[in-house]
Amino acid sequence: MNDQTIPHVGIVTYRPQHKDRLIAKWYSNELDSGEIGTGVAIGPTDDGFPGIYHITYHLADGTELGNYDLEITQQGDAYQLTWRSPTGIAYRGIGILMGTGLVAGYRRVDE
């Protein structure tokens, strides 16, 4: 399998920083640097992770990469994640709780 056939996949963690704010750390197979990106999600955290957030992601050097509306829904002990851009669904993922954080794998959606 060559790099042309590997889909855009990644991993992300979300940890509460304070009320209504999550901090993200993420990595994707599209990055060649091996450096971890960051993000800040703003949204209601009263019920834990489920909810709709507005998130801004940054590369490791601080360059803004993008903004999304992130919806997190809980299904039993697992979580479904959907990232939306102005043009529609951009990514989907699944995750589980690890300590005080949410860890998820994700994949780009080609629509």
PDB file of N, CA and C in Angstrom:
ATOM      1  N   MET A   1       0.850  -1.168   0.000  1.00  0.00           N
ATOM      2  CA  MET A   1       0.000   0.000   0.000  1.00  0.00           C
ATOM      3  C   MET A   1       0.901   1.238   0.000  1.00  0.00           C
ATOM      4  N   ASN A   2       0.669   2.161  -0.912  1.00  0.00           N
ATOM      5  CA  ASN A   2       1.469   3.386  -0.939  1.00  0.00           C
ATOM      6  C   ASN A   2       0.718   4.517  -0.246  1.00  0.00           C
ATOM      7  N   ASP A   3       1.400   5.652  -0.064  1.00  0.00           N
ATOM      8  CA  ASP A   3       0.796   6.784   0.644  1.00  0.00           C
ATOM      9  C   ASP A   3      -0.452   7.314  -0.039  1.00  0.00           C
ATOM     10  N   GLN A   4      -0.604   7.080  -1.331  1.00  0.00           N
ATOM     11  CA  GLN A   4      -1.769   7.578  -2.058  1.00  0.00           C
ATOM     12  C   GLN A   4      -3.057   6.880  -1.621  1.00  0.00           C
ATOM     13  N   THR A   5      -2.957   5.674  -1.080  1.00  0.00           N
ATOM     14  CA  THR A   5      -4.162   4.917  -0.736  1.00  0.00           C
ATOM     15  C   THR A   5      -4.506   4.976   0.752  1.00  0.00           C
ATOM     16  N   ILE A   6      -3.652   5.559   1.563  1.00  0.00           N
ATOM     17  CA  ILE A   6      -3.936   5.658   2.994  1.00  0.00           C
ATOM     18  C   ILE A   6      -4.887   6.830   3.224  1.00  0.00           C
ATOM     19  N   PRO A   7      -6.040   6.582   3.821  1.00  0.00           N
ATOM     20  CA  PRO A   7      -6.969   7.695   4.066  1.00  0.00           C
ATOM     21  C   PRO A   7      -6.418   8.638   5.127  1.00  0.00           C
ATOM     22  N   HIS A   8      -6.945   9.844   5.158  1.00  0.00           N
ATOM     23  CA  HIS A   8      -6.568  10.816   6.185  1.00  0.00           C
ATOM     24  C   HIS A   8      -7.186  10.362   7.495  1.00  0.00           C
ATOM     25  N   VAL A   9      -6.333   9.901   8.403  1.00  0.00           N
ATOM     26  CA  VAL A   9      -6.777   9.461   9.721  1.00  0.00           C
ATOM     27  C   VAL A   9      -5.938  10.151  10.782  1.00  0.00           C
ATOM     28  N   GLY A  10      -6.456  10.184  12.001  1.00  0.00           N
ATOM     29  CA  GLY A  10      -5.706  10.804  13.081  1.00  0.00           C
ATOM     30  C   GLY A  10      -6.247  10.415  14.435  1.00  0.00           C
ATOM     31  N   ILE A  11      -5.609  10.965  15.444  1.00  0.00           N
ATOM     32  CA  ILE A  11      -6.015  10.746  16.825  1.00  0.00           C
ATOM     33  C   ILE A  11      -6.053  12.094  17.529  1.00  0.00           C
ATOM     34  N   VAL A  12      -6.994  12.238  18.448  1.00  0.00           N
ATOM     35  CA  VAL A  12      -7.146  13.497  19.179  1.00  0.00           C
ATOM     36  C   VAL A  12      -7.542  13.200  20.620  1.00  0.00           C
ATOM     37  N   THR A  13      -7.064  14.035  21.535  1.00  0.00           N
ATOM     38  CA  THR A  13      -7.499  13.969  22.926  1.00  0.00           C
ATOM     39  C   THR A  13      -8.115  15.311  23.300  1.00  0.00           C
ATOM     40  N   TYR A  14      -9.149  15.250  24.107  1.00  0.00           N
ATOM     41  CA  TYR A  14      -9.785  16.461  24.644  1.00  0.00           C
ATOM     42  C   TYR A  14      -9.778  16.361  26.158  1.00  0.00           C
ATOM     43  N   ARG A  15      -9.338  17.432  26.799  1.00  0.00           N
ATOM     44  CA  ARG A  15      -9.334  17.496  28.259  1.00  0.00           C
ATOM     45  C   ARG A  15      -9.973  18.807  28.689  1.00  0.00           C
ATOM     46  N   PRO A  16     -10.808  18.755  29.731  1.00  0.00           N
ATOM     47  CA  PRO A  16     -11.400  20.003  30.216  1.00  0.00           C
ATOM     48  C   PRO A  16     -10.313  20.913  30.792  1.00  0.00           C
ATOM     49  N   GLN A  17     -10.354  22.174  30.409  1.00  0.00           N
ATOM     50  CA  GLN A  17      -9.431  23.153  30.983  1.00  0.00           C
ATOM     51  C   GLN A  17     -10.129  23.900  32.112  1.00  0.00           C
ATOM     52  N   HIS A  18     -11.318  24.367  31.832  1.00  0.00           N
ATOM     53  CA  HIS A  18     -12.212  24.935  32.832  1.00  0.00           C
ATOM     54  C   HIS A  18     -13.603  24.936  32.228  1.00  0.00           C
ATOM     55  N   LYS A  19     -14.576  25.473  32.923  1.00  0.00           N
ATOM     56  CA  LYS A  19     -15.964  25.430  32.456  1.00  0.00           C
ATOM     57  C   LYS A  19     -16.079  25.927  31.021  1.00  0.00           C
ATOM     58  N   ASP A  20     -16.743  25.130  30.200  1.00  0.00           N
ATOM     59  CA  ASP A  20     -17.056  25.461  28.804  1.00  0.00           C
ATOM     60  C   ASP A  20     -15.824  25.585  27.907  1.00  0.00           C
ATOM     61  N   ARG A  21     -14.730  24.908  28.266  1.00  0.00           N
ATOM     62  CA  ARG A  21     -13.514  24.986  27.450  1.00  0.00           C
ATOM     63  C   ARG A  21     -12.763  23.652  27.515  1.00  0.00           C
ATOM     64  N   LEU A  22     -12.509  23.074  26.338  1.00  0.00           N
ATOM     65  CA  LEU A  22     -11.709  21.860  26.222  1.00  0.00           C
ATOM     66  C   LEU A  22     -10.411  22.189  25.491  1.00  0.00           C
ATOM     67  N   ILE A  23      -9.338  21.520  25.877  1.00  0.00           N
ATOM     68  CA  ILE A  23      -8.055  21.659  25.200  1.00  0.00           C
ATOM     69  C   ILE A  23      -7.803  20.370  24.420  1.00  0.00           C
ATOM     70  N   ALA A  24      -7.427  20.507  23.163  1.00  0.00           N
ATOM     71  CA  ALA A  24      -7.180  19.362  22.292  1.00  0.00           C
ATOM     72  C   ALA A  24      -5.691  19.218  22.007  1.00  0.00           C
ATOM     73  N   LYS A  25      -5.262  17.967  21.873  1.00  0.00           N
ATOM     74  CA  LYS A  25      -3.969  17.617  21.294  1.00  0.00           C
ATOM     75  C   LYS A  25      -4.284  16.602  20.209  1.00  0.00           C
ATOM     76  N   TRP A  26      -3.666  16.767  19.030  1.00  0.00           N
ATOM     77  CA  TRP A  26      -4.026  15.905  17.912  1.00  0.00           C
ATOM     78  C   TRP A  26      -2.815  15.611  17.034  1.00  0.00           C
ATOM     79  N   TYR A  27      -2.938  14.527  16.271  1.00  0.00           N
ATOM     80  CA  TYR A  27      -1.933  14.186  15.270  1.00  0.00           C
ATOM     81  C   TYR A  27      -2.639  13.484  14.117  1.00  0.00           C
ATOM     82  N   SER A  28      -2.160  13.726  12.913  1.00  0.00           N
ATOM     83  CA  SER A  28      -2.751  13.135  11.713  1.00  0.00           C
ATOM     84  C   SER A  28      -1.656  12.560  10.829  1.00  0.00           C
ATOM     85  N   ASN A  29      -2.013  11.551  10.036  1.00  0.00           N
ATOM     86  CA  ASN A  29      -1.028  10.966   9.133  1.00  0.00           C
ATOM     87  C   ASN A  29      -0.643  11.913   7.999  1.00  0.00           C
ATOM     88  N   GLU A  30      -1.309  13.053   7.867  1.00  0.00           N
ATOM     89  CA  GLU A  30      -0.930  14.032   6.847  1.00  0.00           C
ATOM     90  C   GLU A  30       0.238  14.913   7.293  1.00  0.00           C
ATOM     91  N   LEU A  31       0.576  14.880   8.572  1.00  0.00           N
ATOM     92  CA  LEU A  31       1.698  15.679   9.069  1.00  0.00           C
ATOM     93  C   LEU A  31       2.982  14.874   8.921  1.00  0.00           C
ATOM     94  N   ASP A  32       4.030  15.519   8.467  1.00  0.00           N
ATOM     95  CA  ASP A  32       5.319  14.852   8.333  1.00  0.00           C
ATOM     96  C   ASP A  32       6.258  15.186   9.482  1.00  0.00           C
ATOM     97  N   SER A  33       5.902  16.158  10.291  1.00  0.00           N
ATOM     98  CA  SER A  33       6.816  16.683  11.302  1.00  0.00           C
ATOM     99  C   SER A  33       6.940  15.802  12.537  1.00  0.00           C
ATOM    100  N   GLY A  34       5.929  14.989  12.834  1.00  0.00           N
ATOM    101  CA  GLY A  34       5.918  14.235  14.077  1.00  0.00           C
ATOM    102  C   GLY A  34       5.563  15.090  15.277  1.00  0.00           C
ATOM    103  N   GLU A  35       5.203  16.354  15.035  1.00  0.00           N
ATOM    104  CA  GLU A  35       4.850  17.262  16.122  1.00  0.00           C
ATOM    105  C   GLU A  35       3.341  17.263  16.342  1.00  0.00           C
ATOM    106  N   ILE A  36       2.947  17.428  17.591  1.00  0.00           N
ATOM    107  CA  ILE A  36       1.545  17.368  17.996  1.00  0.00           C
ATOM    108  C   ILE A  36       0.901  18.742  17.863  1.00  0.00           C
ATOM    109  N   GLY A  37      -0.273  18.786  17.215  1.00  0.00           N
ATOM    110  CA  GLY A  37      -1.038  20.023  17.113  1.00  0.00           C
ATOM    111  C   GLY A  37      -1.904  20.224  18.345  1.00  0.00           C
ATOM    112  N   THR A  38      -2.495  21.407  18.449  1.00  0.00           N
ATOM    113  CA  THR A  38      -3.337  21.744  19.594  1.00  0.00           C
ATOM    114  C   THR A  38      -4.668  22.307  19.118  1.00  0.00           C
ATOM    115  N   GLY A  39      -5.571  22.497  20.036  1.00  0.00           N
ATOM    116  CA  GLY A  39      -6.854  23.108  19.717  1.00  0.00           C
ATOM    117  C   GLY A  39      -7.555  23.579  20.974  1.00  0.00           C
ATOM    118  N   VAL A  40      -8.504  24.484  20.787  1.00  0.00           N
ATOM    119  CA  VAL A  40      -9.333  24.980  21.885  1.00  0.00           C
ATOM    120  C   VAL A  40     -10.785  24.879  21.442  1.00  0.00           C
ATOM    121  N   ALA A  41     -11.591  24.167  22.231  1.00  0.00           N
ATOM    122  CA  ALA A  41     -13.016  23.994  21.944  1.00  0.00           C
ATOM    123  C   ALA A  41     -13.823  24.758  22.985  1.00  0.00           C
ATOM    124  N   ILE A  42     -14.765  25.567  22.512  1.00  0.00           N
ATOM    125  CA  ILE A  42     -15.636  26.339  23.391  1.00  0.00           C
ATOM    126  C   ILE A  42     -17.058  25.809  23.245  1.00  0.00           C
ATOM    127  N   GLY A  43     -17.670  25.443  24.363  1.00  0.00           N
ATOM    128  CA  GLY A  43     -19.032  24.926  24.347  1.00  0.00           C
ATOM    129  C   GLY A  43     -19.428  24.468  25.738  1.00  0.00           C
ATOM    130  N   PRO A  44     -20.674  24.045  25.909  1.00  0.00           N
ATOM    131  CA  PRO A  44     -21.173  23.687  27.240  1.00  0.00           C
ATOM    132  C   PRO A  44     -20.562  22.384  27.749  1.00  0.00           C
ATOM    133  N   THR A  45     -19.979  22.423  28.936  1.00  0.00           N
ATOM    134  CA  THR A  45     -19.375  21.226  29.523  1.00  0.00           C
ATOM    135  C   THR A  45     -20.106  20.761  30.783  1.00  0.00           C
ATOM    136  N   ASP A  46     -21.289  21.314  31.046  1.00  0.00           N
ATOM    137  CA  ASP A  46     -22.028  20.950  32.259  1.00  0.00           C
ATOM    138  C   ASP A  46     -22.355  19.461  32.321  1.00  0.00           C
ATOM    139  N   ASP A  47     -22.580  18.826  31.167  1.00  0.00           N
ATOM    140  CA  ASP A  47     -22.924  17.404  31.117  1.00  0.00           C
ATOM    141  C   ASP A  47     -21.737  16.545  30.703  1.00  0.00           C
ATOM    142  N   GLY A  48     -20.526  17.008  30.927  1.00  0.00           N
ATOM    143  CA  GLY A  48     -19.347  16.264  30.499  1.00  0.00           C
ATOM    144  C   GLY A  48     -18.983  16.630  29.068  1.00  0.00           C
ATOM    145  N   PHE A  49     -18.605  15.645  28.272  1.00  0.00           N
ATOM    146  CA  PHE A  49     -18.161  15.911  26.904  1.00  0.00           C
ATOM    147  C   PHE A  49     -19.277  16.086  25.875  1.00  0.00           C
ATOM    148  N   PRO A  50     -20.442  15.421  26.010  1.00  0.00           N
ATOM    149  CA  PRO A  50     -21.464  15.587  24.976  1.00  0.00           C
ATOM    150  C   PRO A  50     -21.879  17.045  24.804  1.00  0.00           C
ATOM    151  N   GLY A  51     -22.061  17.442  23.547  1.00  0.00           N
ATOM    152  CA  GLY A  51     -22.474  18.806  23.245  1.00  0.00           C
ATOM    153  C   GLY A  51     -21.926  19.255  21.906  1.00  0.00           C
ATOM    154  N   ILE A  52     -22.192  20.508  21.585  1.00  0.00           N
ATOM    155  CA  ILE A  52     -21.691  21.106  20.344  1.00  0.00           C
ATOM    156  C   ILE A  52     -20.706  22.203  20.723  1.00  0.00           C
ATOM    157  N   TYR A  53     -19.526  22.129  20.132  1.00  0.00           N
ATOM    158  CA  TYR A  53     -18.430  23.048  20.433  1.00  0.00           C
ATOM    159  C   TYR A  53     -17.988  23.752  19.158  1.00  0.00           C
ATOM    160  N   HIS A  54     -17.433  24.935  19.312  1.00  0.00           N
ATOM    161  CA  HIS A  54     -16.715  25.585  18.213  1.00  0.00           C
ATOM    162  C   HIS A  54     -15.237  25.416  18.542  1.00  0.00           C
ATOM    163  N   ILE A  55     -14.503  24.801  17.613  1.00  0.00           N
ATOM    164  CA  ILE A  55     -13.100  24.497  17.896  1.00  0.00           C
ATOM    165  C   ILE A  55     -12.182  25.085  16.843  1.00  0.00           C
ATOM    166  N   THR A  56     -11.054  25.592  17.303  1.00  0.00           N
ATOM    167  CA  THR A  56      -9.994  26.092  16.432  1.00  0.00           C
ATOM    168  C   THR A  56      -8.763  25.228  16.671  1.00  0.00           C
ATOM    169  N   TYR A  57      -8.214  24.676  15.584  1.00  0.00           N
ATOM    170  CA  TYR A  57      -7.018  23.837  15.664  1.00  0.00           C
ATOM    171  C   TYR A  57      -5.803  24.606  15.175  1.00  0.00           C
ATOM    172  N   HIS A  58      -4.648  24.274  15.773  1.00  0.00           N
ATOM    173  CA  HIS A  58      -3.378  24.894  15.409  1.00  0.00           C
ATOM    174  C   HIS A  58      -2.315  23.821  15.172  1.00  0.00           C
ATOM    175  N   LEU A  59      -1.386  24.122  14.273  1.00  0.00           N
ATOM    176  CA  LEU A  59      -0.200  23.294  14.116  1.00  0.00           C
ATOM    177  C   LEU A  59       0.706  23.505  15.324  1.00  0.00           C
ATOM    178  N   ALA A  60       1.725  22.671  15.463  1.00  0.00           N
ATOM    179  CA  ALA A  60       2.631  22.769  16.609  1.00  0.00           C
ATOM    180  C   ALA A  60       3.323  24.123  16.695  1.00  0.00           C
ATOM    181  N   ASP A  61       3.546  24.777  15.547  1.00  0.00           N
ATOM    182  CA  ASP A  61       4.225  26.086  15.559  1.00  0.00           C
ATOM    183  C   ASP A  61       3.272  27.243  15.850  1.00  0.00           C
ATOM    184  N   GLY A  62       1.990  26.939  16.101  1.00  0.00           N
ATOM    185  CA  GLY A  62       1.009  27.969  16.420  1.00  0.00           C
ATOM    186  C   GLY A  62       0.187  28.454  15.244  1.00  0.00           C
ATOM    187  N   THR A  63       0.515  28.022  14.028  1.00  0.00           N
ATOM    188  CA  THR A  63      -0.246  28.411  12.844  1.00  0.00           C
ATOM    189  C   THR A  63      -1.669  27.868  12.937  1.00  0.00           C
ATOM    190  N   GLU A  64      -2.656  28.748  12.749  1.00  0.00           N
ATOM    191  CA  GLU A  64      -4.050  28.302  12.778  1.00  0.00           C
ATOM    192  C   GLU A  64      -4.315  27.413  11.574  1.00  0.00           C
ATOM    193  N   LEU A  65      -4.909  26.247  11.834  1.00  0.00           N
ATOM    194  CA  LEU A  65      -5.166  25.277  10.776  1.00  0.00           C
ATOM    195  C   LEU A  65      -6.610  25.301  10.303  1.00  0.00           C
ATOM    196  N   GLY A  66      -7.557  25.496  11.218  1.00  0.00           N
ATOM    197  CA  GLY A  66      -8.957  25.487  10.808  1.00  0.00           C
ATOM    198  C   GLY A  66      -9.905  25.603  11.975  1.00  0.00           C
ATOM    199  N   ASN A  67     -11.160  25.916  11.635  1.00  0.00           N
ATOM    200  CA  ASN A  67     -12.247  26.049  12.608  1.00  0.00           C
ATOM    201  C   ASN A  67     -13.366  25.094  12.220  1.00  0.00           C
ATOM    202  N   TYR A  68     -13.944  24.456  13.214  1.00  0.00           N
ATOM    203  CA  TYR A  68     -15.024  23.503  12.975  1.00  0.00           C
ATOM    204  C   TYR A  68     -16.066  23.628  14.077  1.00  0.00           C
ATOM    205  N   ASP A  69     -17.256  23.156  13.780  1.00  0.00           N
ATOM    206  CA  ASP A  69     -18.255  22.893  14.801  1.00  0.00           C
ATOM    207  C   ASP A  69     -18.143  21.407  15.094  1.00  0.00           C
ATOM    208  N   LEU A  70     -17.858  21.079  16.332  1.00  0.00           N
ATOM    209  CA  LEU A  70     -17.644  19.701  16.761  1.00  0.00           C
ATOM    210  C   LEU A  70     -18.827  19.251  17.599  1.00  0.00           C
ATOM    211  N   GLU A  71     -19.485  18.185  17.152  1.00  0.00           N
ATOM    212  CA  GLU A  71     -20.583  17.599  17.923  1.00  0.00           C
ATOM    213  C   GLU A  71     -20.107  16.289  18.529  1.00  0.00           C
ATOM    214  N   ILE A  72     -20.251  16.173  19.843  1.00  0.00           N
ATOM    215  CA  ILE A  72     -19.891  14.953  20.557  1.00  0.00           C
ATOM    216  C   ILE A  72     -21.160  14.376  21.161  1.00  0.00           C
ATOM    217  N   THR A  73     -21.463  13.123  20.818  1.00  0.00           N
ATOM    218  CA  THR A  73     -22.621  12.437  21.388  1.00  0.00           C
ATOM    219  C   THR A  73     -22.133  11.174  22.090  1.00  0.00           C
ATOM    220  N   GLN A  74     -22.825  10.820  23.165  1.00  0.00           N
ATOM    221  CA  GLN A  74     -22.465   9.633  23.926  1.00  0.00           C
ATOM    222  C   GLN A  74     -23.386   8.493  23.556  1.00  0.00           C
ATOM    223  N   GLN A  75     -22.787   7.303  23.368  1.00  0.00           N
ATOM    224  CA  GLN A  75     -23.543   6.080  23.115  1.00  0.00           C
ATOM    225  C   GLN A  75     -23.011   5.022  24.070  1.00  0.00           C
ATOM    226  N   GLY A  76     -23.673   4.872  25.213  1.00  0.00           N
ATOM    227  CA  GLY A  76     -23.164   3.962  26.238  1.00  0.00           C
ATOM    228  C   GLY A  76     -21.851   4.497  26.783  1.00  0.00           C
ATOM    229  N   ASP A  77     -20.816   3.660  26.742  1.00  0.00           N
ATOM    230  CA  ASP A  77     -19.493   4.076  27.211  1.00  0.00           C
ATOM    231  C   ASP A  77     -18.643   4.680  26.098  1.00  0.00           C
ATOM    232  N   ALA A  78     -19.168   4.744  24.895  1.00  0.00           N
ATOM    233  CA  ALA A  78     -18.421   5.260  23.741  1.00  0.00           C
ATOM    234  C   ALA A  78     -18.973   6.618  23.311  1.00  0.00           C
ATOM    235  N   TYR A  79     -18.223   7.286  22.456  1.00  0.00           N
ATOM    236  CA  TYR A  79     -18.596   8.616  21.966  1.00  0.00           C
ATOM    237  C   TYR A  79     -18.472   8.656  20.452  1.00  0.00           C
ATOM    238  N   GLN A  80     -19.398   9.368  19.820  1.00  0.00           N
ATOM    239  CA  GLN A  80     -19.357   9.644  18.386  1.00  0.00           C
ATOM    240  C   GLN A  80     -18.999  11.114  18.222  1.00  0.00           C
ATOM    241  N   LEU A  81     -18.093  11.423  17.302  1.00  0.00           N
ATOM    242  CA  LEU A  81     -17.671  12.800  17.065  1.00  0.00           C
ATOM    243  C   LEU A  81     -17.892  13.146  15.603  1.00  0.00           C
ATOM    244  N   THR A  82     -18.407  14.340  15.354  1.00  0.00           N
ATOM    245  CA  THR A  82     -18.621  14.841  13.996  1.00  0.00           C
ATOM    246  C   THR A  82     -18.110  16.271  13.932  1.00  0.00           C
ATOM    247  N   TRP A  83     -17.193  16.520  12.983  1.00  0.00           N
ATOM    248  CA  TRP A  83     -16.651  17.862  12.766  1.00  0.00           C
ATOM    249  C   TRP A  83     -17.286  18.426  11.507  1.00  0.00           C
ATOM    250  N   ARG A  84     -17.887  19.598  11.623  1.00  0.00           N
ATOM    251  CA  ARG A  84     -18.544  20.234  10.475  1.00  0.00           C
ATOM    252  C   ARG A  84     -17.828  21.525  10.111  1.00  0.00           C
ATOM    253  N   SER A  85     -17.649  21.713   8.808  1.00  0.00           N
ATOM    254  CA  SER A  85     -17.125  22.968   8.259  1.00  0.00           C
ATOM    255  C   SER A  85     -18.293  23.663   7.570  1.00  0.00           C
ATOM    256  N   PRO A  86     -18.098  24.873   7.042  1.00  0.00           N
ATOM    257  CA  PRO A  86     -19.197  25.544   6.328  1.00  0.00           C
ATOM    258  C   PRO A  86     -19.726  24.746   5.134  1.00  0.00           C
ATOM    259  N   THR A  87     -18.928  23.827   4.594  1.00  0.00           N
ATOM    260  CA  THR A  87     -19.363  23.058   3.425  1.00  0.00           C
ATOM    261  C   THR A  87     -19.973  21.705   3.779  1.00  0.00           C
ATOM    262  N   GLY A  88     -20.053  21.365   5.065  1.00  0.00           N
ATOM    263  CA  GLY A  88     -20.657  20.097   5.461  1.00  0.00           C
ATOM    264  C   GLY A  88     -19.771  19.318   6.415  1.00  0.00           C
ATOM    265  N   ILE A  89     -20.062  18.032   6.552  1.00  0.00           N
ATOM    266  CA  ILE A  89     -19.293  17.179   7.460  1.00  0.00           C
ATOM    267  C   ILE A  89     -17.895  16.975   6.890  1.00  0.00           C
ATOM    268  N   ALA A  90     -16.888  17.276   7.710  1.00  0.00           N
ATOM    269  CA  ALA A  90     -15.497  17.152   7.278  1.00  0.00           C
ATOM    270  C   ALA A  90     -14.838  15.885   7.826  1.00  0.00           C
ATOM    271  N   TYR A  91     -15.143  15.531   9.082  1.00  0.00           N
ATOM    272  CA  TYR A  91     -14.525  14.376   9.737  1.00  0.00           C
ATOM    273  C   TYR A  91     -15.549  13.689  10.623  1.00  0.00           C
ATOM    274  N   ARG A  92     -15.315  12.388  10.850  1.00  0.00           N
ATOM    275  CA  ARG A  92     -16.094  11.613  11.815  1.00  0.00           C
ATOM    276  C   ARG A  92     -15.113  10.809  12.653  1.00  0.00           C
ATOM    277  N   GLY A  93     -15.502  10.574  13.917  1.00  0.00           N
ATOM    278  CA  GLY A  93     -14.626   9.803  14.782  1.00  0.00           C
ATOM    279  C   GLY A  93     -15.386   9.068  15.860  1.00  0.00           C
ATOM    280  N   ILE A  94     -14.654   8.196  16.550  1.00  0.00           N
ATOM    281  CA  ILE A  94     -15.191   7.461  17.689  1.00  0.00           C
ATOM    282  C   ILE A  94     -14.187   7.562  18.822  1.00  0.00           C
ATOM    283  N   GLY A  95     -14.687   7.560  20.064  1.00  0.00           N
ATOM    284  CA  GLY A  95     -13.775   7.715  21.181  1.00  0.00           C
ATOM    285  C   GLY A  95     -14.263   7.082  22.458  1.00  0.00           C
ATOM    286  N   ILE A  96     -13.356   7.078  23.441  1.00  0.00           N
ATOM    287  CA  ILE A  96     -13.647   6.568  24.775  1.00  0.00           C
ATOM    288  C   ILE A  96     -12.987   7.489  25.801  1.00  0.00           C
ATOM    289  N   LEU A  97     -13.478   7.405  27.032  1.00  0.00           N
ATOM    290  CA  LEU A  97     -12.871   8.165  28.118  1.00  0.00           C
ATOM    291  C   LEU A  97     -11.598   7.473  28.582  1.00  0.00           C
ATOM    292  N   MET A  98     -10.585   8.280  28.873  1.00  0.00           N
ATOM    293  CA  MET A  98      -9.336   7.796  29.468  1.00  0.00           C
ATOM    294  C   MET A  98      -8.973   8.806  30.550  1.00  0.00           C
ATOM    295  N   GLY A  99      -9.116   8.413  31.802  1.00  0.00           N
ATOM    296  CA  GLY A  99      -8.890   9.347  32.898  1.00  0.00           C
ATOM    297  C   GLY A  99      -9.907  10.472  32.822  1.00  0.00           C
ATOM    298  N   THR A 100      -9.433  11.711  32.825  1.00  0.00           N
ATOM    299  CA  THR A 100     -10.342  12.863  32.746  1.00  0.00           C
ATOM    300  C   THR A 100     -10.533  13.349  31.316  1.00  0.00           C
ATOM    301  N   GLY A 101      -9.977  12.625  30.343  1.00  0.00           N
ATOM    302  CA  GLY A 101     -10.050  13.076  28.957  1.00  0.00           C
ATOM    303  C   GLY A 101     -10.818  12.130  28.059  1.00  0.00           C
ATOM    304  N   LEU A 102     -11.081  12.612  26.861  1.00  0.00           N
ATOM    305  CA  LEU A 102     -11.714  11.837  25.801  1.00  0.00           C
ATOM    306  C   LEU A 102     -10.665  11.617  24.722  1.00  0.00           C
ATOM    307  N   VAL A 103     -10.458  10.365  24.325  1.00  0.00           N
ATOM    308  CA  VAL A 103      -9.498  10.011  23.286  1.00  0.00           C
ATOM    309  C   VAL A 103     -10.281   9.459  22.109  1.00  0.00           C
ATOM    310  N   ALA A 104      -9.993   9.968  20.900  1.00  0.00           N
ATOM    311  CA  ALA A 104     -10.759   9.547  19.727  1.00  0.00           C
ATOM    312  C   ALA A 104      -9.859   9.390  18.507  1.00  0.00           C
ATOM    313  N   GLY A 105     -10.222   8.439  17.681  1.00  0.00           N
ATOM    314  CA  GLY A 105      -9.654   8.330  16.347  1.00  0.00           C
ATOM    315  C   GLY A 105     -10.625   8.987  15.384  1.00  0.00           C
ATOM    316  N   TYR A 106     -10.099   9.513  14.272  1.00  0.00           N
ATOM    317  CA  TYR A 106     -10.984  10.172  13.310  1.00  0.00           C
ATOM    318  C   TYR A 106     -10.515   9.926  11.885  1.00  0.00           C
ATOM    319  N   ARG A 107     -11.433  10.182  10.963  1.00  0.00           N
ATOM    320  CA  ARG A 107     -11.161  10.025   9.539  1.00  0.00           C
ATOM    321  C   ARG A 107     -11.868  11.125   8.770  1.00  0.00           C
ATOM    322  N   ARG A 108     -11.206  11.601   7.716  1.00  0.00           N
ATOM    323  CA  ARG A 108     -11.830  12.597   6.844  1.00  0.00           C
ATOM    324  C   ARG A 108     -13.011  11.956   6.118  1.00  0.00           C
ATOM    325  N   VAL A 109     -14.064  12.738   5.927  1.00  0.00           N
ATOM    326  CA  VAL A 109     -15.242  12.294   5.191  1.00  0.00           C
ATOM    327  C   VAL A 109     -15.192  12.946   3.823  1.00  0.00           C
ATOM    328  N   ASP A 110     -15.212  12.137   2.787  1.00  0.00           N
ATOM    329  CA  ASP A 110     -15.219  12.669   1.424  1.00  0.00           C
ATOM    330  C   ASP A 110     -16.645  12.692   0.918  1.00  0.00           C
ATOM    331  N   GLU A 111     -17.253  13.899   0.923  1.00  0.00           N
ATOM    332  CA  GLU A 111     -18.642  14.032   0.470  1.00  0.00           C
ATOM    333  C   GLU A 111     -18.699  14.869  -0.776  1.00  0.00           C
TER     334      GLU A 111
END
